[in-house]
Amino acid sequence: MATVSCPKCNTITSQGGFPVWTIIVSICAFPVGLLALLAGRKPTVCGSCGFTWQA
């Protein structure tokens, strides 16, 4: 998991990942299932201040 810094408080936090269903669909329906990865990542939430953003 990648780490990023919060734009609000500059605390290091983990970047949001993909939802589980997108990974399962992309594996089971390969190569067409790779389009499921276009659904996007989960938003990143800072553990310190609670700020949410798309990283």
C-alpha atoms as a PDB file:
ATOM      1  CA  MET A   1       0.000   0.000   0.000  1.00  0.00           C
ATOM      2  CA  ALA A   2       1.321   3.400  -0.934  1.00  0.00           C
ATOM      3  CA  THR A   3       1.621   6.184   1.581  1.00  0.00           C
ATOM      4  CA  VAL A   4       0.640   9.784   0.922  1.00  0.00           C
ATOM      5  CA  SER A   5       0.558  12.906   3.045  1.00  0.00           C
ATOM      6  CA  CYS A   6      -2.712  14.539   4.024  1.00  0.00           C
ATOM      7  CA  PRO A   7      -3.199  17.876   2.226  1.00  0.00           C
ATOM      8  CA  LYS A   8      -4.878  19.332   5.312  1.00  0.00           C
ATOM      9  CA  CYS A   9      -2.572  18.325   8.199  1.00  0.00           C
ATOM     10  CA  ASN A  10       0.494  16.834   6.370  1.00  0.00           C
ATOM     11  CA  THR A  11       0.276  13.524   8.291  1.00  0.00           C
ATOM     12  CA  ILE A  12       1.458  10.406   6.434  1.00  0.00           C
ATOM     13  CA  THR A  13      -1.443   7.997   5.735  1.00  0.00           C
ATOM     14  CA  SER A  14      -2.177   4.959   3.537  1.00  0.00           C
ATOM     15  CA  GLN A  15      -3.667   5.564   0.117  1.00  0.00           C
ATOM     16  CA  GLY A  16      -7.123   4.135  -0.525  1.00  0.00           C
ATOM     17  CA  GLY A  17      -7.183   0.891  -2.509  1.00  0.00           C
ATOM     18  CA  PHE A  18      -9.567  -0.761  -4.915  1.00  0.00           C
ATOM     19  CA  PRO A  19     -12.855  -2.273  -3.694  1.00  0.00           C
ATOM     20  CA  VAL A  20     -12.684  -6.083  -3.508  1.00  0.00           C
ATOM     21  CA  TRP A  21     -15.367  -6.603  -6.158  1.00  0.00           C
ATOM     22  CA  THR A  22     -13.326  -4.789  -8.813  1.00  0.00           C
ATOM     23  CA  ILE A  23     -10.327  -7.028  -8.236  1.00  0.00           C
ATOM     24  CA  ILE A  24     -12.456 -10.205  -8.382  1.00  0.00           C
ATOM     25  CA  VAL A  25     -14.229  -9.137 -11.578  1.00  0.00           C
ATOM     26  CA  SER A  26     -10.979  -8.104 -13.242  1.00  0.00           C
ATOM     27  CA  ILE A  27      -9.455 -11.542 -12.521  1.00  0.00           C
ATOM     28  CA  CYS A  28     -12.496 -13.666 -13.376  1.00  0.00           C
ATOM     29  CA  ALA A  29     -13.434 -11.844 -16.578  1.00  0.00           C
ATOM     30  CA  PHE A  30      -9.922 -11.115 -17.856  1.00  0.00           C
ATOM     31  CA  PRO A  31      -9.250  -9.229 -20.201  1.00  0.00           C
ATOM     32  CA  VAL A  32     -12.676  -7.544 -20.429  1.00  0.00           C
ATOM     33  CA  GLY A  33     -12.810  -7.456 -16.617  1.00  0.00           C
ATOM     34  CA  LEU A  34      -9.974  -4.947 -16.555  1.00  0.00           C
ATOM     35  CA  LEU A  35     -12.643  -2.359 -17.323  1.00  0.00           C
ATOM     36  CA  ALA A  36     -13.867  -2.899 -13.736  1.00  0.00           C
ATOM     37  CA  LEU A  37     -10.698  -1.171 -12.558  1.00  0.00           C
ATOM     38  CA  LEU A  38     -12.032   2.017 -14.154  1.00  0.00           C
ATOM     39  CA  ALA A  39     -14.613   2.113 -11.353  1.00  0.00           C
ATOM     40  CA  GLY A  40     -11.959   3.884  -9.309  1.00  0.00           C
ATOM     41  CA  ARG A  41     -10.268   3.631  -5.973  1.00  0.00           C
ATOM     42  CA  LYS A  42     -11.747   4.075  -2.540  1.00  0.00           C
ATOM     43  CA  PRO A  43     -11.200   7.602  -1.222  1.00  0.00           C
ATOM     44  CA  THR A  44      -8.208   8.184   1.037  1.00  0.00           C
ATOM     45  CA  VAL A  45      -9.068   9.061   4.647  1.00  0.00           C
ATOM     46  CA  CYS A  46      -6.588  10.679   7.024  1.00  0.00           C
ATOM     47  CA  GLY A  47      -6.402   8.789  10.314  1.00  0.00           C
ATOM     48  CA  SER A  48      -5.374  11.901  12.200  1.00  0.00           C
ATOM     49  CA  CYS A  49      -7.837  14.620  11.159  1.00  0.00           C
ATOM     50  CA  GLY A  50     -10.467  12.585   9.273  1.00  0.00           C
ATOM     51  CA  PHE A  51     -10.083  14.547   6.014  1.00  0.00           C
ATOM     52  CA  THR A  52     -11.250  12.572   2.932  1.00  0.00           C
ATOM     53  CA  TRP A  53      -9.889  13.076  -0.595  1.00  0.00           C
ATOM     54  CA  GLN A  54      -9.313  11.155  -3.814  1.00  0.00           C
ATOM     55  CA  ALA A  55      -5.601  10.381  -4.159  1.00  0.00           C
END
